[in-house]
N, C-alpha and C. Protein backbone atom coordinates (compact mmCIF):
# COMPACT_ATOMS: atom_id res chain seq x y z
N MET A 1 45.28 -27.53 -32.11
CA MET A 1 45.11 -26.95 -30.80
C MET A 1 44.27 -25.68 -30.93
N PRO A 2 43.20 -25.53 -30.12
CA PRO A 2 42.37 -24.33 -30.23
C PRO A 2 43.13 -23.09 -29.76
N ARG A 3 42.76 -21.97 -30.36
CA ARG A 3 43.41 -20.70 -30.01
C ARG A 3 42.94 -20.26 -28.64
N ILE A 4 43.87 -19.86 -27.79
CA ILE A 4 43.53 -19.36 -26.46
C ILE A 4 43.31 -17.85 -26.59
N ARG A 5 42.15 -17.37 -26.18
CA ARG A 5 41.86 -15.94 -26.26
C ARG A 5 42.34 -15.20 -25.02
N ASN A 6 42.26 -15.82 -23.86
CA ASN A 6 42.68 -15.17 -22.62
C ASN A 6 43.48 -16.18 -21.81
N TRP A 7 44.76 -15.95 -21.67
CA TRP A 7 45.61 -16.94 -21.03
C TRP A 7 45.33 -17.04 -19.53
N HIS A 8 44.68 -16.04 -18.93
CA HIS A 8 44.31 -16.12 -17.52
C HIS A 8 43.25 -17.21 -17.30
N LYS A 9 42.37 -17.40 -18.28
CA LYS A 9 41.24 -18.31 -18.14
C LYS A 9 41.48 -19.69 -18.74
N ALA A 10 42.63 -19.90 -19.35
CA ALA A 10 42.90 -21.16 -20.05
C ALA A 10 43.10 -22.31 -19.07
N GLU A 11 42.59 -23.49 -19.45
CA GLU A 11 42.81 -24.69 -18.63
C GLU A 11 44.29 -25.00 -18.53
N ASN A 12 44.97 -24.92 -19.65
CA ASN A 12 46.42 -25.15 -19.70
C ASN A 12 47.09 -23.88 -20.21
N PRO A 13 47.35 -22.91 -19.32
CA PRO A 13 47.95 -21.67 -19.79
C PRO A 13 49.34 -21.88 -20.35
N PRO A 14 49.76 -21.02 -21.26
CA PRO A 14 51.10 -21.15 -21.82
C PRO A 14 52.17 -21.01 -20.74
N LYS A 15 53.28 -21.67 -20.95
CA LYS A 15 54.39 -21.59 -20.00
C LYS A 15 55.23 -20.35 -20.30
N VAL A 16 55.69 -19.71 -19.24
CA VAL A 16 56.47 -18.48 -19.38
C VAL A 16 57.95 -18.82 -19.54
N ASN A 17 58.58 -18.15 -20.50
CA ASN A 17 60.02 -18.27 -20.70
C ASN A 17 60.69 -17.24 -19.80
N PRO A 18 61.41 -17.68 -18.76
CA PRO A 18 62.01 -16.72 -17.83
C PRO A 18 63.07 -15.83 -18.48
N HIS A 19 63.61 -16.26 -19.63
CA HIS A 19 64.64 -15.48 -20.32
C HIS A 19 64.08 -14.70 -21.51
N GLY A 20 62.76 -14.82 -21.73
CA GLY A 20 62.14 -14.14 -22.87
C GLY A 20 62.11 -12.64 -22.68
N ARG A 21 62.31 -11.91 -23.75
CA ARG A 21 62.33 -10.45 -23.69
C ARG A 21 61.16 -9.91 -24.51
N VAL A 22 60.36 -9.04 -23.87
CA VAL A 22 59.22 -8.42 -24.55
C VAL A 22 59.76 -7.45 -25.59
N ALA A 23 59.23 -7.52 -26.81
CA ALA A 23 59.78 -6.78 -27.95
C ALA A 23 59.40 -5.30 -27.99
N HIS A 24 58.59 -4.83 -27.07
CA HIS A 24 58.18 -3.42 -27.06
C HIS A 24 58.40 -2.86 -25.67
N GLU A 25 58.95 -1.64 -25.60
CA GLU A 25 59.32 -1.07 -24.30
C GLU A 25 58.13 -0.84 -23.38
N ARG A 26 56.92 -0.60 -23.93
CA ARG A 26 55.75 -0.38 -23.08
C ARG A 26 54.95 -1.65 -22.85
N GLY A 27 55.38 -2.77 -23.43
CA GLY A 27 54.66 -4.02 -23.26
C GLY A 27 54.78 -4.53 -21.84
N GLN A 28 53.66 -4.66 -21.16
CA GLN A 28 53.63 -5.15 -19.79
C GLN A 28 53.17 -6.59 -19.80
N GLY A 29 54.06 -7.51 -19.57
CA GLY A 29 53.69 -8.92 -19.59
C GLY A 29 54.90 -9.81 -19.67
N PHE A 30 54.70 -10.98 -20.26
CA PHE A 30 55.71 -12.02 -20.32
C PHE A 30 55.84 -12.54 -21.74
N VAL A 31 56.86 -13.36 -21.95
CA VAL A 31 57.02 -14.07 -23.22
C VAL A 31 56.87 -15.55 -22.91
N SER A 32 56.05 -16.23 -23.71
CA SER A 32 55.83 -17.66 -23.49
C SER A 32 56.97 -18.47 -24.11
N THR A 33 56.99 -19.76 -23.81
CA THR A 33 58.04 -20.63 -24.34
C THR A 33 57.95 -20.77 -25.86
N ASP A 34 56.74 -20.52 -26.43
CA ASP A 34 56.62 -20.57 -27.89
C ASP A 34 56.82 -19.19 -28.53
N GLY A 35 57.29 -18.20 -27.75
CA GLY A 35 57.66 -16.91 -28.29
C GLY A 35 56.54 -15.89 -28.40
N MET A 36 55.37 -16.16 -27.83
CA MET A 36 54.26 -15.22 -27.89
C MET A 36 54.30 -14.27 -26.70
N PHE A 37 53.74 -13.06 -26.90
CA PHE A 37 53.66 -12.06 -25.85
C PHE A 37 52.38 -12.30 -25.05
N LEU A 38 52.51 -12.44 -23.73
CA LEU A 38 51.37 -12.63 -22.84
C LEU A 38 51.17 -11.34 -22.06
N CYS A 39 50.16 -10.57 -22.44
CA CYS A 39 49.91 -9.29 -21.78
C CYS A 39 49.27 -9.53 -20.41
N TYR A 40 49.48 -8.60 -19.50
CA TYR A 40 48.87 -8.70 -18.17
C TYR A 40 47.35 -8.76 -18.25
N CYS A 41 46.75 -8.19 -19.31
CA CYS A 41 45.29 -8.20 -19.44
C CYS A 41 44.76 -9.58 -19.83
N GLY A 42 45.64 -10.49 -20.22
CA GLY A 42 45.23 -11.83 -20.60
C GLY A 42 45.34 -12.11 -22.09
N SER A 43 45.58 -11.09 -22.88
CA SER A 43 45.67 -11.23 -24.33
C SER A 43 46.98 -11.91 -24.73
N ILE A 44 46.93 -12.64 -25.83
CA ILE A 44 48.11 -13.28 -26.39
C ILE A 44 48.34 -12.71 -27.79
N ASN A 45 49.55 -12.22 -28.03
CA ASN A 45 49.90 -11.61 -29.31
C ASN A 45 51.29 -12.07 -29.74
N LYS A 46 51.60 -11.82 -31.02
CA LYS A 46 52.97 -12.06 -31.47
C LYS A 46 53.90 -11.15 -30.69
N ASN A 47 55.08 -11.63 -30.38
CA ASN A 47 56.05 -10.82 -29.65
C ASN A 47 56.87 -9.99 -30.63
N THR A 48 56.18 -9.07 -31.32
CA THR A 48 56.85 -8.11 -32.20
C THR A 48 56.43 -6.73 -31.74
N ALA A 49 57.28 -5.75 -31.96
CA ALA A 49 56.98 -4.39 -31.53
C ALA A 49 55.67 -3.90 -32.15
N LYS A 50 55.43 -4.20 -33.42
CA LYS A 50 54.22 -3.76 -34.12
C LYS A 50 52.97 -4.38 -33.51
N SER A 51 52.99 -5.69 -33.26
CA SER A 51 51.82 -6.36 -32.69
C SER A 51 51.51 -5.85 -31.29
N ILE A 52 52.53 -5.67 -30.49
CA ILE A 52 52.33 -5.20 -29.12
C ILE A 52 51.84 -3.75 -29.14
N SER A 53 52.40 -2.93 -30.00
CA SER A 53 51.96 -1.54 -30.12
C SER A 53 50.50 -1.47 -30.54
N SER A 54 50.10 -2.28 -31.50
CA SER A 54 48.70 -2.31 -31.94
C SER A 54 47.78 -2.74 -30.80
N HIS A 55 48.20 -3.75 -30.05
CA HIS A 55 47.41 -4.22 -28.91
C HIS A 55 47.25 -3.11 -27.87
N LEU A 56 48.34 -2.43 -27.56
CA LEU A 56 48.29 -1.36 -26.55
C LEU A 56 47.35 -0.23 -26.99
N THR A 57 47.41 0.13 -28.27
CA THR A 57 46.56 1.20 -28.78
C THR A 57 45.10 0.78 -28.77
N LYS A 58 44.82 -0.44 -29.16
CA LYS A 58 43.44 -0.92 -29.24
C LYS A 58 42.85 -1.18 -27.85
N ALA A 59 43.50 -1.98 -27.07
CA ALA A 59 42.90 -2.48 -25.84
C ALA A 59 43.20 -1.66 -24.59
N HIS A 60 44.27 -0.90 -24.57
CA HIS A 60 44.66 -0.21 -23.35
C HIS A 60 44.53 1.31 -23.42
N LYS A 61 44.29 1.86 -24.61
CA LYS A 61 44.11 3.30 -24.74
C LYS A 61 42.65 3.62 -24.39
N ASP A 62 42.44 4.48 -23.40
CA ASP A 62 41.10 4.73 -22.86
C ASP A 62 40.07 5.16 -23.88
N ASP A 63 40.46 5.93 -24.89
CA ASP A 63 39.47 6.45 -25.82
C ASP A 63 39.59 5.85 -27.22
N SER A 64 40.09 4.63 -27.30
CA SER A 64 40.21 4.00 -28.61
C SER A 64 38.83 3.63 -29.15
N ALA A 65 38.72 3.48 -30.44
CA ALA A 65 37.46 3.09 -31.06
C ALA A 65 37.01 1.73 -30.52
N TYR A 66 37.96 0.85 -30.26
CA TYR A 66 37.63 -0.46 -29.70
C TYR A 66 36.99 -0.31 -28.32
N GLN A 67 37.56 0.54 -27.46
CA GLN A 67 36.99 0.75 -26.13
C GLN A 67 35.60 1.38 -26.21
N ARG A 68 35.40 2.30 -27.16
CA ARG A 68 34.06 2.87 -27.34
C ARG A 68 33.07 1.79 -27.75
N GLY A 69 33.52 0.87 -28.61
CA GLY A 69 32.64 -0.21 -29.05
C GLY A 69 32.31 -1.20 -27.94
N GLN A 70 33.20 -1.34 -26.98
CA GLN A 70 32.97 -2.23 -25.84
C GLN A 70 32.05 -1.59 -24.80
N PHE A 71 31.86 -0.28 -24.89
CA PHE A 71 31.09 0.47 -23.90
C PHE A 71 29.65 -0.03 -23.83
N SER A 72 29.17 -0.18 -22.62
CA SER A 72 27.79 -0.57 -22.40
C SER A 72 27.38 -0.09 -21.01
N GLU A 73 26.19 0.44 -20.92
CA GLU A 73 25.66 0.82 -19.61
C GLU A 73 24.73 -0.28 -19.14
N ASP A 74 24.48 -0.32 -17.85
CA ASP A 74 23.59 -1.34 -17.29
C ASP A 74 22.23 -1.31 -17.98
N GLY A 75 21.81 -2.47 -18.46
CA GLY A 75 20.50 -2.59 -19.06
C GLY A 75 20.38 -2.13 -20.49
N THR A 76 21.41 -1.52 -21.04
CA THR A 76 21.35 -1.05 -22.42
C THR A 76 21.93 -2.11 -23.33
N SER A 77 21.24 -2.38 -24.43
CA SER A 77 21.75 -3.39 -25.36
C SER A 77 21.63 -2.90 -26.79
N TRP A 78 22.40 -3.52 -27.65
CA TRP A 78 22.41 -3.20 -29.08
C TRP A 78 21.46 -4.19 -29.76
N GLU A 79 20.41 -3.68 -30.40
CA GLU A 79 19.44 -4.56 -31.05
C GLU A 79 19.83 -4.80 -32.50
N CYS A 80 19.73 -6.06 -32.92
CA CYS A 80 20.02 -6.40 -34.31
C CYS A 80 18.88 -5.91 -35.19
N PRO A 81 19.14 -4.98 -36.12
CA PRO A 81 18.07 -4.47 -36.97
C PRO A 81 17.62 -5.47 -38.03
N ILE A 82 18.39 -6.53 -38.25
CA ILE A 82 18.05 -7.52 -39.26
C ILE A 82 17.02 -8.51 -38.72
N CYS A 83 17.19 -8.94 -37.47
CA CYS A 83 16.29 -9.96 -36.93
C CYS A 83 15.47 -9.47 -35.73
N HIS A 84 15.18 -8.16 -35.70
CA HIS A 84 14.39 -7.64 -34.58
C HIS A 84 12.99 -8.25 -34.59
N GLY A 85 12.29 -8.12 -33.49
CA GLY A 85 10.97 -8.73 -33.37
C GLY A 85 11.01 -9.85 -32.36
N ALA A 86 10.24 -10.91 -32.60
CA ALA A 86 10.12 -12.01 -31.64
C ALA A 86 11.46 -12.70 -31.39
N GLN A 87 12.25 -12.88 -32.45
CA GLN A 87 13.54 -13.54 -32.28
C GLN A 87 14.68 -12.53 -32.27
N GLY A 88 14.38 -11.30 -31.90
CA GLY A 88 15.38 -10.24 -31.94
C GLY A 88 16.60 -10.56 -31.10
N LYS A 89 17.74 -10.21 -31.62
CA LYS A 89 19.00 -10.43 -30.92
C LYS A 89 19.42 -9.12 -30.29
N ASN A 90 19.64 -9.16 -28.99
CA ASN A 90 20.18 -8.00 -28.29
C ASN A 90 21.58 -8.35 -27.83
N ALA A 91 22.53 -7.52 -28.22
CA ALA A 91 23.94 -7.75 -27.89
C ALA A 91 24.36 -6.78 -26.79
N LYS A 92 25.33 -7.21 -25.99
CA LYS A 92 25.74 -6.35 -24.89
C LYS A 92 26.65 -5.21 -25.32
N ASN A 93 27.26 -5.33 -26.50
CA ASN A 93 28.09 -4.23 -27.00
C ASN A 93 28.17 -4.30 -28.53
N LEU A 94 28.78 -3.29 -29.11
CA LEU A 94 28.88 -3.18 -30.56
C LEU A 94 29.57 -4.39 -31.19
N HIS A 95 30.67 -4.84 -30.58
CA HIS A 95 31.42 -5.95 -31.16
C HIS A 95 30.61 -7.24 -31.17
N ALA A 96 29.81 -7.47 -30.13
CA ALA A 96 28.96 -8.66 -30.09
C ALA A 96 27.88 -8.59 -31.17
N LEU A 97 27.34 -7.40 -31.42
CA LEU A 97 26.33 -7.23 -32.48
C LEU A 97 26.92 -7.52 -33.85
N VAL A 98 28.10 -6.98 -34.12
CA VAL A 98 28.74 -7.21 -35.42
C VAL A 98 29.08 -8.69 -35.59
N ALA A 99 29.57 -9.34 -34.54
CA ALA A 99 29.88 -10.78 -34.62
C ALA A 99 28.61 -11.57 -34.91
N HIS A 100 27.49 -11.22 -34.26
CA HIS A 100 26.21 -11.89 -34.51
C HIS A 100 25.81 -11.73 -35.98
N ALA A 101 25.88 -10.50 -36.50
CA ALA A 101 25.47 -10.24 -37.87
C ALA A 101 26.35 -10.99 -38.87
N ARG A 102 27.62 -11.09 -38.60
CA ARG A 102 28.52 -11.82 -39.51
C ARG A 102 28.27 -13.33 -39.44
N ARG A 103 28.08 -13.84 -38.25
CA ARG A 103 27.89 -15.28 -38.06
C ARG A 103 26.50 -15.75 -38.52
N VAL A 104 25.45 -15.05 -38.11
CA VAL A 104 24.08 -15.50 -38.37
C VAL A 104 23.56 -15.03 -39.72
N HIS A 105 23.84 -13.78 -40.08
CA HIS A 105 23.27 -13.19 -41.30
C HIS A 105 24.25 -13.11 -42.46
N GLY A 106 25.49 -13.56 -42.24
CA GLY A 106 26.48 -13.56 -43.32
C GLY A 106 26.96 -12.18 -43.73
N LEU A 107 26.89 -11.20 -42.83
CA LEU A 107 27.35 -9.85 -43.15
C LEU A 107 28.82 -9.87 -43.53
N ARG A 108 29.14 -9.19 -44.62
CA ARG A 108 30.52 -9.05 -45.09
C ARG A 108 30.81 -7.57 -45.30
N GLY A 109 32.07 -7.21 -45.19
CA GLY A 109 32.46 -5.83 -45.46
C GLY A 109 32.16 -4.90 -44.30
N SER A 110 31.86 -3.65 -44.64
CA SER A 110 31.66 -2.61 -43.64
C SER A 110 30.43 -2.87 -42.78
N SER A 111 30.56 -2.58 -41.50
CA SER A 111 29.44 -2.74 -40.57
C SER A 111 28.89 -1.39 -40.14
N ASP A 112 29.26 -0.31 -40.84
CA ASP A 112 28.85 1.04 -40.44
C ASP A 112 27.33 1.20 -40.36
N ASP A 113 26.61 0.73 -41.39
CA ASP A 113 25.15 0.88 -41.39
C ASP A 113 24.51 0.09 -40.26
N LEU A 114 24.99 -1.11 -40.04
CA LEU A 114 24.49 -1.94 -38.95
C LEU A 114 24.68 -1.24 -37.61
N CYS A 115 25.83 -0.65 -37.42
CA CYS A 115 26.15 0.03 -36.16
C CYS A 115 25.25 1.24 -35.95
N LYS A 116 24.98 1.98 -37.02
CA LYS A 116 24.11 3.15 -36.90
C LYS A 116 22.69 2.74 -36.55
N GLU A 117 22.18 1.67 -37.18
CA GLU A 117 20.81 1.24 -36.94
C GLU A 117 20.63 0.62 -35.55
N GLY A 118 21.65 -0.13 -35.08
CA GLY A 118 21.52 -0.82 -33.81
C GLY A 118 22.00 -0.04 -32.61
N ASP A 119 22.47 1.21 -32.82
CA ASP A 119 23.09 2.00 -31.76
C ASP A 119 22.06 2.48 -30.73
N PRO A 120 22.13 1.96 -29.49
CA PRO A 120 21.18 2.43 -28.47
C PRO A 120 21.55 3.80 -27.91
N PHE A 121 22.71 4.29 -28.26
CA PHE A 121 23.18 5.57 -27.74
C PHE A 121 23.05 6.67 -28.77
N ARG A 122 22.11 6.51 -29.74
CA ARG A 122 21.93 7.54 -30.75
C ARG A 122 21.71 8.88 -30.08
N PRO A 123 22.16 9.96 -30.60
CA PRO A 123 22.76 10.09 -31.92
C PRO A 123 24.27 9.87 -31.93
N ASN A 124 24.92 9.78 -30.75
CA ASN A 124 26.36 9.74 -30.83
C ASN A 124 26.95 8.88 -29.72
N LEU A 125 27.44 7.71 -30.08
CA LEU A 125 28.09 6.82 -29.12
C LEU A 125 29.31 7.48 -28.51
N LYS A 126 30.08 8.18 -29.33
CA LYS A 126 31.32 8.77 -28.83
C LYS A 126 31.05 9.77 -27.70
N SER A 127 30.05 10.64 -27.87
CA SER A 127 29.77 11.62 -26.82
C SER A 127 29.25 10.94 -25.55
N LYS A 128 28.43 9.90 -25.70
CA LYS A 128 27.92 9.17 -24.54
C LYS A 128 29.08 8.49 -23.81
N PHE A 129 30.00 7.89 -24.57
CA PHE A 129 31.17 7.25 -23.98
C PHE A 129 32.04 8.27 -23.25
N LEU A 130 32.27 9.43 -23.87
CA LEU A 130 33.11 10.46 -23.25
C LEU A 130 32.46 11.02 -21.98
N ASP A 131 31.12 11.15 -21.99
CA ASP A 131 30.42 11.58 -20.77
C ASP A 131 30.63 10.56 -19.66
N PHE A 132 30.47 9.27 -20.00
CA PHE A 132 30.66 8.20 -19.03
C PHE A 132 32.10 8.21 -18.51
N LYS A 133 33.05 8.36 -19.42
CA LYS A 133 34.47 8.36 -19.05
C LYS A 133 34.80 9.54 -18.13
N SER A 134 34.26 10.73 -18.42
CA SER A 134 34.55 11.89 -17.58
C SER A 134 33.93 11.73 -16.20
N GLU A 135 32.75 11.09 -16.10
CA GLU A 135 32.16 10.81 -14.79
C GLU A 135 33.07 9.88 -13.99
N LYS A 136 33.58 8.85 -14.64
CA LYS A 136 34.48 7.91 -13.96
C LYS A 136 35.77 8.61 -13.54
N GLU A 137 36.32 9.45 -14.40
CA GLU A 137 37.54 10.18 -14.06
C GLU A 137 37.29 11.10 -12.86
N PHE A 138 36.11 11.73 -12.80
CA PHE A 138 35.77 12.58 -11.67
C PHE A 138 35.69 11.75 -10.39
N GLU A 139 35.05 10.57 -10.46
CA GLU A 139 34.96 9.69 -9.30
C GLU A 139 36.34 9.25 -8.82
N ILE A 140 37.22 8.91 -9.76
CA ILE A 140 38.58 8.49 -9.40
C ILE A 140 39.34 9.64 -8.77
N ALA A 141 39.21 10.85 -9.32
CA ALA A 141 39.89 12.02 -8.74
C ALA A 141 39.39 12.28 -7.32
N ALA A 142 38.09 12.12 -7.08
CA ALA A 142 37.53 12.33 -5.74
C ALA A 142 38.07 11.28 -4.76
N ILE A 143 38.19 10.04 -5.20
CA ILE A 143 38.74 8.97 -4.35
C ILE A 143 40.20 9.27 -4.02
N ARG A 144 40.97 9.68 -5.02
CA ARG A 144 42.39 10.02 -4.78
C ARG A 144 42.53 11.17 -3.79
N LEU A 145 41.65 12.17 -3.92
CA LEU A 145 41.69 13.31 -3.01
C LEU A 145 41.39 12.86 -1.58
N ARG A 146 40.36 12.02 -1.41
CA ARG A 146 40.04 11.50 -0.07
C ARG A 146 41.18 10.68 0.50
N MET A 147 41.86 9.91 -0.36
CA MET A 147 42.99 9.10 0.11
C MET A 147 44.13 10.01 0.57
N ARG A 148 44.42 11.08 -0.21
CA ARG A 148 45.48 12.00 0.17
C ARG A 148 45.15 12.69 1.50
N GLN A 149 43.88 13.08 1.65
CA GLN A 149 43.46 13.74 2.88
C GLN A 149 43.60 12.79 4.08
N ALA A 150 43.23 11.52 3.88
CA ALA A 150 43.33 10.54 4.96
C ALA A 150 44.79 10.32 5.36
N VAL A 151 45.67 10.26 4.37
CA VAL A 151 47.09 10.05 4.63
C VAL A 151 47.68 11.26 5.35
N SER A 152 47.29 12.47 4.93
CA SER A 152 47.86 13.67 5.54
C SER A 152 47.40 13.85 6.99
N ARG A 153 46.24 13.30 7.36
CA ARG A 153 45.77 13.39 8.74
C ARG A 153 46.58 12.52 9.68
N HIS A 154 47.16 11.46 9.15
CA HIS A 154 47.91 10.51 10.01
C HIS A 154 49.30 10.92 10.12
């Protein structure tokens, strides 16, 4: 049976065990009949406190290295430095570039050099991501303020 990456999109999603208990207090989701944790984001993980904690840190923490690697602005892509040129591969984010390099070019081990060469946000992805994040936080704060003002008028 092929591995399901996102249970929201699966043709035959896993069945939920109504009596299943999520093994981590901050885990938001369900337990399937085969004992796996089904996160609200669509991810499927082992229903152990360690696995759920790792998932929460990686996928749900706003400033995790994983979230920085997923960051992409409109029209910006990560160019593969190995096959650039006519057949150049442009990836939408860091993780797609690394997957391409491992699959097509047989890259093994550390991907640090590849990431530095293909980084469209040079010199620093982290600062670009934090700038983007602070802009979004400012927009959200402004929306919340307008909502509070609208509610207080009524």
